[in-house]
Amino acid sequence: MDCPYRLAEVVISTAGRDQGKYYLVVGYEHDRYVLIADGDKKRFEHPKRKNPKHLRSACFVNEEISIWLANGKRIRNEDIKRAIQDYEKIEEAN
C-alpha cells in the first residue's frame, strides 16, 4: 500500500460523522484502510478503520509513539490523547 500517512501521524477526518475530529494513525489494514484512534471513543484496542481519501494530514508526527508502533510495542490510550493534545496546543499557538 502506498499510504501517504505515517504511523503516529495526527490526521483530521474530512468525511463522515466524525468530520473535523483529530486522530492518530496506529496501523494499516490490508491495502485499503488506515487504522486510527483518538484514545477516547476510538481506543487503541479497537481503532476506527478509515479510507485514506477521507483523511487530511495535520503534518505532525509524534516520533516517540512512531518508534513504539514500529517496534510492535503496545501504546496506552493516554499517550494517544496526549499526542493529539500536543498538536492542538501547537495549533492554538499559531
PDB file of N, CA and C in Angstrom:
ATOM      1  N   MET A   1       0.849  -1.187   0.000  1.00  0.00           N
ATOM      2  CA  MET A   1       0.000   0.000   0.000  1.00  0.00           C
ATOM      3  C   MET A   1       0.885   1.237   0.000  1.00  0.00           C
ATOM      4  N   ASP A   2       0.560   2.167  -0.816  1.00  0.00           N
ATOM      5  CA  ASP A   2       1.297   3.419  -0.885  1.00  0.00           C
ATOM      6  C   ASP A   2       0.491   4.479  -0.144  1.00  0.00           C
ATOM      7  N   CYS A   3       0.512   4.394   1.174  1.00  0.00           N
ATOM      8  CA  CYS A   3      -0.291   5.292   2.005  1.00  0.00           C
ATOM      9  C   CYS A   3       0.490   6.572   2.295  1.00  0.00           C
ATOM     10  N   PRO A   4      -0.147   7.717   2.162  1.00  0.00           N
ATOM     11  CA  PRO A   4       0.546   8.978   2.430  1.00  0.00           C
ATOM     12  C   PRO A   4       0.702   9.284   3.920  1.00  0.00           C
ATOM     13  N   TYR A   5       0.170   8.433   4.783  1.00  0.00           N
ATOM     14  CA  TYR A   5       0.202   8.700   6.222  1.00  0.00           C
ATOM     15  C   TYR A   5       1.182   7.782   6.926  1.00  0.00           C
ATOM     16  N   ARG A   6       1.947   8.349   7.849  1.00  0.00           N
ATOM     17  CA  ARG A   6       2.930   7.589   8.633  1.00  0.00           C
ATOM     18  C   ARG A   6       2.311   7.148   9.942  1.00  0.00           C
ATOM     19  N   LEU A   7       2.905   6.139  10.567  1.00  0.00           N
ATOM     20  CA  LEU A   7       2.469   5.726  11.896  1.00  0.00           C
ATOM     21  C   LEU A   7       2.671   6.891  12.863  1.00  0.00           C
ATOM     22  N   ALA A   8       1.739   7.079  13.763  1.00  0.00           N
ATOM     23  CA  ALA A   8       1.757   8.121  14.801  1.00  0.00           C
ATOM     24  C   ALA A   8       1.588   9.531  14.240  1.00  0.00           C
ATOM     25  N   GLU A   9       1.075   9.649  13.027  1.00  0.00           N
ATOM     26  CA  GLU A   9       0.799  10.964  12.451  1.00  0.00           C
ATOM     27  C   GLU A   9      -0.597  11.419  12.860  1.00  0.00           C
ATOM     28  N   VAL A  10      -0.731  12.672  13.207  1.00  0.00           N
ATOM     29  CA  VAL A  10      -2.038  13.228  13.523  1.00  0.00           C
ATOM     30  C   VAL A  10      -2.740  13.536  12.209  1.00  0.00           C
ATOM     31  N   VAL A  11      -3.986  13.059  12.089  1.00  0.00           N
ATOM     32  CA  VAL A  11      -4.784  13.291  10.889  1.00  0.00           C
ATOM     33  C   VAL A  11      -6.132  13.876  11.294  1.00  0.00           C
ATOM     34  N   ILE A  12      -6.784  14.506  10.331  1.00  0.00           N
ATOM     35  CA  ILE A  12      -8.096  15.116  10.558  1.00  0.00           C
ATOM     36  C   ILE A  12      -9.087  14.430   9.634  1.00  0.00           C
ATOM     37  N   SER A  13     -10.216  14.011  10.183  1.00  0.00           N
ATOM     38  CA  SER A  13     -11.253  13.385   9.382  1.00  0.00           C
ATOM     39  C   SER A  13     -11.944  14.442   8.538  1.00  0.00           C
ATOM     40  N   THR A  14     -12.116  14.160   7.241  1.00  0.00           N
ATOM     41  CA  THR A  14     -12.743  15.122   6.343  1.00  0.00           C
ATOM     42  C   THR A  14     -14.121  14.672   5.876  1.00  0.00           C
ATOM     43  N   ALA A  15     -14.538  13.473   6.269  1.00  0.00           N
ATOM     44  CA  ALA A  15     -15.836  12.966   5.833  1.00  0.00           C
ATOM     45  C   ALA A  15     -16.432  12.071   6.912  1.00  0.00           C
ATOM     46  N   GLY A  16     -17.744  12.050   6.956  1.00  0.00           N
ATOM     47  CA  GLY A  16     -18.437  11.191   7.912  1.00  0.00           C
ATOM     48  C   GLY A  16     -18.897  11.946   9.138  1.00  0.00           C
ATOM     49  N   ARG A  17     -19.453  11.198  10.075  1.00  0.00           N
ATOM     50  CA  ARG A  17     -19.946  11.792  11.321  1.00  0.00           C
ATOM     51  C   ARG A  17     -18.856  12.438  12.135  1.00  0.00           C
ATOM     52  N   ASP A  18     -17.644  11.935  11.982  1.00  0.00           N
ATOM     53  CA  ASP A  18     -16.515  12.431  12.769  1.00  0.00           C
ATOM     54  C   ASP A  18     -15.731  13.540  12.059  1.00  0.00           C
ATOM     55  N   GLN A  19     -16.335  14.165  11.078  1.00  0.00           N
ATOM     56  CA  GLN A  19     -15.675  15.216  10.303  1.00  0.00           C
ATOM     57  C   GLN A  19     -15.114  16.300  11.222  1.00  0.00           C
ATOM     58  N   GLY A  20     -13.843  16.654  11.014  1.00  0.00           N
ATOM     59  CA  GLY A  20     -13.188  17.695  11.798  1.00  0.00           C
ATOM     60  C   GLY A  20     -12.510  17.181  13.060  1.00  0.00           C
ATOM     61  N   LYS A  21     -12.622  15.919  13.356  1.00  0.00           N
ATOM     62  CA  LYS A  21     -12.042  15.343  14.570  1.00  0.00           C
ATOM     63  C   LYS A  21     -10.604  14.890  14.300  1.00  0.00           C
ATOM     64  N   TYR A  22      -9.748  15.021  15.315  1.00  0.00           N
ATOM     65  CA  TYR A  22      -8.348  14.627  15.219  1.00  0.00           C
ATOM     66  C   TYR A  22      -8.176  13.174  15.650  1.00  0.00           C
ATOM     67  N   TYR A  23      -7.316  12.463  14.929  1.00  0.00           N
ATOM     68  CA  TYR A  23      -6.987  11.082  15.247  1.00  0.00           C
ATOM     69  C   TYR A  23      -5.490  10.871  15.066  1.00  0.00           C
ATOM     70  N   LEU A  24      -5.018   9.742  15.568  1.00  0.00           N
ATOM     71  CA  LEU A  24      -3.627   9.344  15.408  1.00  0.00           C
ATOM     72  C   LEU A  24      -3.606   8.041  14.602  1.00  0.00           C
ATOM     73  N   VAL A  25      -2.751   7.967  13.589  1.00  0.00           N
ATOM     74  CA  VAL A  25      -2.641   6.747  12.790  1.00  0.00           C
ATOM     75  C   VAL A  25      -1.915   5.692  13.635  1.00  0.00           C
ATOM     76  N   VAL A  26      -2.576   4.535  13.847  1.00  0.00           N
ATOM     77  CA  VAL A  26      -1.986   3.467  14.661  1.00  0.00           C
ATOM     78  C   VAL A  26      -1.720   2.196  13.867  1.00  0.00           C
ATOM     79  N   GLY A  27      -2.104   2.170  12.589  1.00  0.00           N
ATOM     80  CA  GLY A  27      -1.832   0.988  11.783  1.00  0.00           C
ATOM     81  C   GLY A  27      -2.508   1.062  10.428  1.00  0.00           C
ATOM     82  N   TYR A  28      -2.377  -0.043   9.703  1.00  0.00           N
ATOM     83  CA  TYR A  28      -2.945  -0.156   8.363  1.00  0.00           C
ATOM     84  C   TYR A  28      -3.671  -1.490   8.268  1.00  0.00           C
ATOM     85  N   GLU A  29      -4.720  -1.544   7.462  1.00  0.00           N
ATOM     86  CA  GLU A  29      -5.448  -2.795   7.260  1.00  0.00           C
ATOM     87  C   GLU A  29      -5.513  -3.102   5.771  1.00  0.00           C
ATOM     88  N   HIS A  30      -5.035  -4.264   5.429  1.00  0.00           N
ATOM     89  CA  HIS A  30      -4.984  -4.719   4.042  1.00  0.00           C
ATOM     90  C   HIS A  30      -4.277  -3.661   3.195  1.00  0.00           C
ATOM     91  N   ASP A  31      -4.777  -3.390   2.043  1.00  0.00           N
ATOM     92  CA  ASP A  31      -4.161  -2.385   1.172  1.00  0.00           C
ATOM     93  C   ASP A  31      -5.039  -1.167   1.000  1.00  0.00           C
ATOM     94  N   ARG A  32      -6.100  -1.077   1.783  1.00  0.00           N
ATOM     95  CA  ARG A  32      -7.078  -0.024   1.511  1.00  0.00           C
ATOM     96  C   ARG A  32      -7.354   0.932   2.655  1.00  0.00           C
ATOM     97  N   TYR A  33      -7.116   0.546   3.892  1.00  0.00           N
ATOM     98  CA  TYR A  33      -7.584   1.335   5.025  1.00  0.00           C
ATOM     99  C   TYR A  33      -6.464   1.732   5.980  1.00  0.00           C
ATOM    100  N   VAL A  34      -6.714   2.823   6.677  1.00  0.00           N
ATOM    101  CA  VAL A  34      -5.838   3.300   7.735  1.00  0.00           C
ATOM    102  C   VAL A  34      -6.578   3.071   9.048  1.00  0.00           C
ATOM    103  N   LEU A  35      -5.867   2.593  10.064  1.00  0.00           N
ATOM    104  CA  LEU A  35      -6.462   2.412  11.386  1.00  0.00           C
ATOM    105  C   LEU A  35      -6.102   3.620  12.232  1.00  0.00           C
ATOM    106  N   ILE A  36      -7.125   4.264  12.776  1.00  0.00           N
ATOM    107  CA  ILE A  36      -6.913   5.488  13.544  1.00  0.00           C
ATOM    108  C   ILE A  36      -7.574   5.371  14.911  1.00  0.00           C
ATOM    109  N   ALA A  37      -7.029   6.095  15.884  1.00  0.00           N
ATOM    110  CA  ALA A  37      -7.576   6.083  17.243  1.00  0.00           C
ATOM    111  C   ALA A  37      -7.443   7.477  17.834  1.00  0.00           C
ATOM    112  N   ASP A  38      -8.351   7.792  18.763  1.00  0.00           N
ATOM    113  CA  ASP A  38      -8.258   9.071  19.467  1.00  0.00           C
ATOM    114  C   ASP A  38      -7.996   8.884  20.958  1.00  0.00           C
ATOM    115  N   GLY A  39      -7.955   7.640  21.423  1.00  0.00           N
ATOM    116  CA  GLY A  39      -7.679   7.363  22.821  1.00  0.00           C
ATOM    117  C   GLY A  39      -8.883   7.513  23.715  1.00  0.00           C
ATOM    118  N   ASP A  40     -10.012   7.938  23.171  1.00  0.00           N
ATOM    119  CA  ASP A  40     -11.217   8.153  23.965  1.00  0.00           C
ATOM    120  C   ASP A  40     -12.337   7.247  23.454  1.00  0.00           C
ATOM    121  N   LYS A  41     -13.052   7.680  22.442  1.00  0.00           N
ATOM    122  CA  LYS A  41     -14.131   6.857  21.876  1.00  0.00           C
ATOM    123  C   LYS A  41     -13.582   5.742  21.009  1.00  0.00           C
ATOM    124  N   LYS A  42     -12.561   6.039  20.262  1.00  0.00           N
ATOM    125  CA  LYS A  42     -11.885   5.018  19.454  1.00  0.00           C
ATOM    126  C   LYS A  42     -10.538   4.756  20.097  1.00  0.00           C
ATOM    127  N   ARG A  43     -10.475   3.664  20.822  1.00  0.00           N
ATOM    128  CA  ARG A  43      -9.294   3.346  21.605  1.00  0.00           C
ATOM    129  C   ARG A  43      -8.315   2.513  20.780  1.00  0.00           C
ATOM    130  N   PHE A  44      -7.108   2.371  21.280  1.00  0.00           N
ATOM    131  CA  PHE A  44      -6.062   1.628  20.590  1.00  0.00           C
ATOM    132  C   PHE A  44      -6.470   0.172  20.362  1.00  0.00           C
ATOM    133  N   GLU A  45      -7.203  -0.396  21.298  1.00  0.00           N
ATOM    134  CA  GLU A  45      -7.607  -1.803  21.207  1.00  0.00           C
ATOM    135  C   GLU A  45      -8.611  -2.037  20.076  1.00  0.00           C
ATOM    136  N   HIS A  46      -9.425  -1.042  19.767  1.00  0.00           N
ATOM    137  CA  HIS A  46     -10.457  -1.131  18.727  1.00  0.00           C
ATOM    138  C   HIS A  46     -10.425   0.136  17.869  1.00  0.00           C
ATOM    139  N   PRO A  47      -9.392   0.272  17.025  1.00  0.00           N
ATOM    140  CA  PRO A  47      -9.280   1.501  16.228  1.00  0.00           C
ATOM    141  C   PRO A  47     -10.339   1.576  15.140  1.00  0.00           C
ATOM    142  N   LYS A  48     -10.549   2.775  14.662  1.00  0.00           N
ATOM    143  CA  LYS A  48     -11.501   3.024  13.571  1.00  0.00           C
ATOM    144  C   LYS A  48     -10.790   2.749  12.251  1.00  0.00           C
ATOM    145  N   ARG A  49     -11.476   2.074  11.363  1.00  0.00           N
ATOM    146  CA  ARG A  49     -10.960   1.802  10.026  1.00  0.00           C
ATOM    147  C   ARG A  49     -11.481   2.902   9.106  1.00  0.00           C
ATOM    148  N   LYS A  50     -10.581   3.606   8.438  1.00  0.00           N
ATOM    149  CA  LYS A  50     -10.984   4.757   7.634  1.00  0.00           C
ATOM    150  C   LYS A  50     -10.266   4.723   6.292  1.00  0.00           C
ATOM    151  N   ASN A  51     -10.993   5.117   5.255  1.00  0.00           N
ATOM    152  CA  ASN A  51     -10.420   5.242   3.925  1.00  0.00           C
ATOM    153  C   ASN A  51      -9.457   6.441   3.937  1.00  0.00           C
ATOM    154  N   PRO A  52      -8.238   6.273   3.447  1.00  0.00           N
ATOM    155  CA  PRO A  52      -7.277   7.392   3.460  1.00  0.00           C
ATOM    156  C   PRO A  52      -7.757   8.624   2.697  1.00  0.00           C
ATOM    157  N   LYS A  53      -8.666   8.438   1.743  1.00  0.00           N
ATOM    158  CA  LYS A  53      -9.195   9.588   0.993  1.00  0.00           C
ATOM    159  C   LYS A  53     -10.025  10.497   1.892  1.00  0.00           C
ATOM    160  N   HIS A  54     -10.496   9.980   3.007  1.00  0.00           N
ATOM    161  CA  HIS A  54     -11.353  10.747   3.912  1.00  0.00           C
ATOM    162  C   HIS A  54     -10.582  11.331   5.081  1.00  0.00           C
ATOM    163  N   LEU A  55      -9.272  11.422   4.929  1.00  0.00           N
ATOM    164  CA  LEU A  55      -8.407  11.985   5.962  1.00  0.00           C
ATOM    165  C   LEU A  55      -7.527  13.067   5.359  1.00  0.00           C
ATOM    166  N   ARG A  56      -7.100  13.987   6.223  1.00  0.00           N
ATOM    167  CA  ARG A  56      -6.160  15.033   5.816  1.00  0.00           C
ATOM    168  C   ARG A  56      -5.045  15.062   6.847  1.00  0.00           C
ATOM    169  N   SER A  57      -3.824  15.167   6.396  1.00  0.00           N
ATOM    170  CA  SER A  57      -2.675  15.181   7.288  1.00  0.00           C
ATOM    171  C   SER A  57      -2.599  16.508   8.041  1.00  0.00           C
ATOM    172  N   ALA A  58      -2.250  16.425   9.317  1.00  0.00           N
ATOM    173  CA  ALA A  58      -2.033  17.632  10.109  1.00  0.00           C
ATOM    174  C   ALA A  58      -0.550  17.984  10.151  1.00  0.00           C
ATOM    175  N   CYS A  59       0.271  17.191   9.442  1.00  0.00           N
ATOM    176  CA  CYS A  59       1.721  17.434   9.350  1.00  0.00           C
ATOM    177  C   CYS A  59       2.394  17.449  10.721  1.00  0.00           C
ATOM    178  N   PHE A  60       1.993  16.525  11.582  1.00  0.00           N
ATOM    179  CA  PHE A  60       2.584  16.407  12.911  1.00  0.00           C
ATOM    180  C   PHE A  60       2.704  14.929  13.225  1.00  0.00           C
ATOM    181  N   VAL A  61       3.923  14.474  13.488  1.00  0.00           N
ATOM    182  CA  VAL A  61       4.157  13.067  13.834  1.00  0.00           C
ATOM    183  C   VAL A  61       4.797  13.019  15.201  1.00  0.00           C
ATOM    184  N   ASN A  62       4.241  12.217  16.097  1.00  0.00           N
ATOM    185  CA  ASN A  62       4.829  12.001  17.412  1.00  0.00           C
ATOM    186  C   ASN A  62       5.896  10.923  17.244  1.00  0.00           C
ATOM    187  N   GLU A  63       7.146  11.318  17.272  1.00  0.00           N
ATOM    188  CA  GLU A  63       8.257  10.398  16.987  1.00  0.00           C
ATOM    189  C   GLU A  63       8.350   9.270  18.012  1.00  0.00           C
ATOM    190  N   GLU A  64       8.098   9.570  19.281  1.00  0.00           N
ATOM    191  CA  GLU A  64       8.185   8.549  20.330  1.00  0.00           C
ATOM    192  C   GLU A  64       7.169   7.430  20.087  1.00  0.00           C
ATOM    193  N   ILE A  65       5.932   7.793  19.820  1.00  0.00           N
ATOM    194  CA  ILE A  65       4.896   6.798  19.562  1.00  0.00           C
ATOM    195  C   ILE A  65       5.172   6.081  18.253  1.00  0.00           C
ATOM    196  N   SER A  66       5.710   6.770  17.269  1.00  0.00           N
ATOM    197  CA  SER A  66       6.044   6.165  15.994  1.00  0.00           C
ATOM    198  C   SER A  66       7.044   5.025  16.181  1.00  0.00           C
ATOM    199  N   ILE A  67       8.047   5.242  17.000  1.00  0.00           N
ATOM    200  CA  ILE A  67       9.042   4.206  17.285  1.00  0.00           C
ATOM    201  C   ILE A  67       8.395   3.030  18.002  1.00  0.00           C
ATOM    202  N   TRP A  68       7.539   3.325  18.978  1.00  0.00           N
ATOM    203  CA  TRP A  68       6.863   2.248  19.715  1.00  0.00           C
ATOM    204  C   TRP A  68       6.028   1.386  18.771  1.00  0.00           C
ATOM    205  N   LEU A  69       5.259   2.027  17.884  1.00  0.00           N
ATOM    206  CA  LEU A  69       4.410   1.288  16.949  1.00  0.00           C
ATOM    207  C   LEU A  69       5.246   0.474  15.964  1.00  0.00           C
ATOM    208  N   ALA A  70       6.335   1.034  15.482  1.00  0.00           N
ATOM    209  CA  ALA A  70       7.195   0.332  14.527  1.00  0.00           C
ATOM    210  C   ALA A  70       7.824  -0.912  15.156  1.00  0.00           C
ATOM    211  N   ASN A  71       8.083  -0.851  16.449  1.00  0.00           N
ATOM    212  CA  ASN A  71       8.684  -1.988  17.150  1.00  0.00           C
ATOM    213  C   ASN A  71       7.641  -2.953  17.700  1.00  0.00           C
ATOM    214  N   GLY A  72       6.379  -2.691  17.426  1.00  0.00           N
ATOM    215  CA  GLY A  72       5.318  -3.591  17.879  1.00  0.00           C
ATOM    216  C   GLY A  72       4.933  -3.423  19.334  1.00  0.00           C
ATOM    217  N   LYS A  73       5.403  -2.373  19.969  1.00  0.00           N
ATOM    218  CA  LYS A  73       5.068  -2.141  21.371  1.00  0.00           C
ATOM    219  C   LYS A  73       3.649  -1.585  21.475  1.00  0.00           C
ATOM    220  N   ARG A  74       2.938  -2.043  22.456  1.00  0.00           N
ATOM    221  CA  ARG A  74       1.577  -1.569  22.691  1.00  0.00           C
ATOM    222  C   ARG A  74       1.658  -0.191  23.344  1.00  0.00           C
ATOM    223  N   ILE A  75       0.814   0.718  22.866  1.00  0.00           N
ATOM    224  CA  ILE A  75       0.806   2.059  23.448  1.00  0.00           C
ATOM    225  C   ILE A  75      -0.473   2.246  24.254  1.00  0.00           C
ATOM    226  N   ARG A  76      -0.415   3.174  25.171  1.00  0.00           N
ATOM    227  CA  ARG A  76      -1.578   3.441  26.022  1.00  0.00           C
ATOM    228  C   ARG A  76      -2.461   4.497  25.363  1.00  0.00           C
ATOM    229  N   ASN A  77      -3.740   4.448  25.686  1.00  0.00           N
ATOM    230  CA  ASN A  77      -4.686   5.431  25.155  1.00  0.00           C
ATOM    231  C   ASN A  77      -4.349   6.829  25.651  1.00  0.00           C
ATOM    232  N   GLU A  78      -3.775   6.920  26.837  1.00  0.00           N
ATOM    233  CA  GLU A  78      -3.370   8.221  27.374  1.00  0.00           C
ATOM    234  C   GLU A  78      -2.280   8.850  26.504  1.00  0.00           C
ATOM    235  N   ASP A  79      -1.394   8.001  25.961  1.00  0.00           N
ATOM    236  CA  ASP A  79      -0.338   8.507  25.072  1.00  0.00           C
ATOM    237  C   ASP A  79      -0.937   9.084  23.791  1.00  0.00           C
ATOM    238  N   ILE A  80      -1.968   8.422  23.282  1.00  0.00           N
ATOM    239  CA  ILE A  80      -2.640   8.912  22.073  1.00  0.00           C
ATOM    240  C   ILE A  80      -3.312  10.252  22.354  1.00  0.00           C
ATOM    241  N   LYS A  81      -4.034  10.341  23.467  1.00  0.00           N
ATOM    242  CA  LYS A  81      -4.700  11.603  23.838  1.00  0.00           C
ATOM    243  C   LYS A  81      -3.684  12.726  23.987  1.00  0.00           C
ATOM    244  N   ARG A  82      -2.556  12.414  24.637  1.00  0.00           N
ATOM    245  CA  ARG A  82      -1.528  13.434  24.871  1.00  0.00           C
ATOM    246  C   ARG A  82      -0.936  13.920  23.554  1.00  0.00           C
ATOM    247  N   ALA A  83      -0.701  13.008  22.608  1.00  0.00           N
ATOM    248  CA  ALA A  83      -0.147  13.399  21.301  1.00  0.00           C
ATOM    249  C   ALA A  83      -1.100  14.332  20.563  1.00  0.00           C
ATOM    250  N   ILE A  84      -2.387  14.030  20.612  1.00  0.00           N
ATOM    251  CA  ILE A  84      -3.382  14.888  19.960  1.00  0.00           C
ATOM    252  C   ILE A  84      -3.468  16.240  20.660  1.00  0.00           C
ATOM    253  N   GLN A  85      -3.435  16.234  21.995  1.00  0.00           N
ATOM    254  CA  GLN A  85      -3.474  17.494  22.749  1.00  0.00           C
ATOM    255  C   GLN A  85      -2.239  18.339  22.463  1.00  0.00           C
ATOM    256  N   ASP A  86      -1.071  17.703  22.330  1.00  0.00           N
ATOM    257  CA  ASP A  86       0.155  18.435  21.991  1.00  0.00           C
ATOM    258  C   ASP A  86       0.002  19.145  20.648  1.00  0.00           C
ATOM    259  N   TYR A  87      -0.595  18.439  19.682  1.00  0.00           N
ATOM    260  CA  TYR A  87      -0.803  19.055  18.375  1.00  0.00           C
ATOM    261  C   TYR A  87      -1.778  20.230  18.490  1.00  0.00           C
ATOM    262  N   GLU A  88      -2.865  20.058  19.243  1.00  0.00           N
ATOM    263  CA  GLU A  88      -3.844  21.139  19.391  1.00  0.00           C
ATOM    264  C   GLU A  88      -3.225  22.368  20.053  1.00  0.00           C
ATOM    265  N   LYS A  89      -2.311  22.173  21.004  1.00  0.00           N
ATOM    266  CA  LYS A  89      -1.628  23.296  21.643  1.00  0.00           C
ATOM    267  C   LYS A  89      -0.753  24.041  20.633  1.00  0.00           C
ATOM    268  N   ILE A  90      -0.100  23.310  19.768  1.00  0.00           N
ATOM    269  CA  ILE A  90       0.732  23.924  18.734  1.00  0.00           C
ATOM    270  C   ILE A  90      -0.164  24.738  17.781  1.00  0.00           C
ATOM    271  N   GLU A  91      -1.306  24.184  17.421  1.00  0.00           N
ATOM    272  CA  GLU A  91      -2.235  24.894  16.532  1.00  0.00           C
ATOM    273  C   GLU A  91      -2.759  26.180  17.175  1.00  0.00           C
ATOM    274  N   GLU A  92      -3.067  26.133  18.474  1.00  0.00           N
ATOM    275  CA  GLU A  92      -3.563  27.320  19.173  1.00  0.00           C
ATOM    276  C   GLU A  92      -2.510  28.410  19.214  1.00  0.00           C
ATOM    277  N   ALA A  93      -1.246  28.026  19.357  1.00  0.00           N
ATOM    278  CA  ALA A  93      -0.145  28.990  19.436  1.00  0.00           C
ATOM    279  C   ALA A  93       0.045  29.700  18.095  1.00  0.00           C
ATOM    280  N   ASN A  94      -0.293  29.028  17.006  1.00  0.00           N
ATOM    281  CA  ASN A  94      -0.130  29.649  15.675  1.00  0.00           C
ATOM    282  C   ASN A  94      -1.335  30.412  15.354  1.00  0.00           C
TER     283      ASN A  94
END
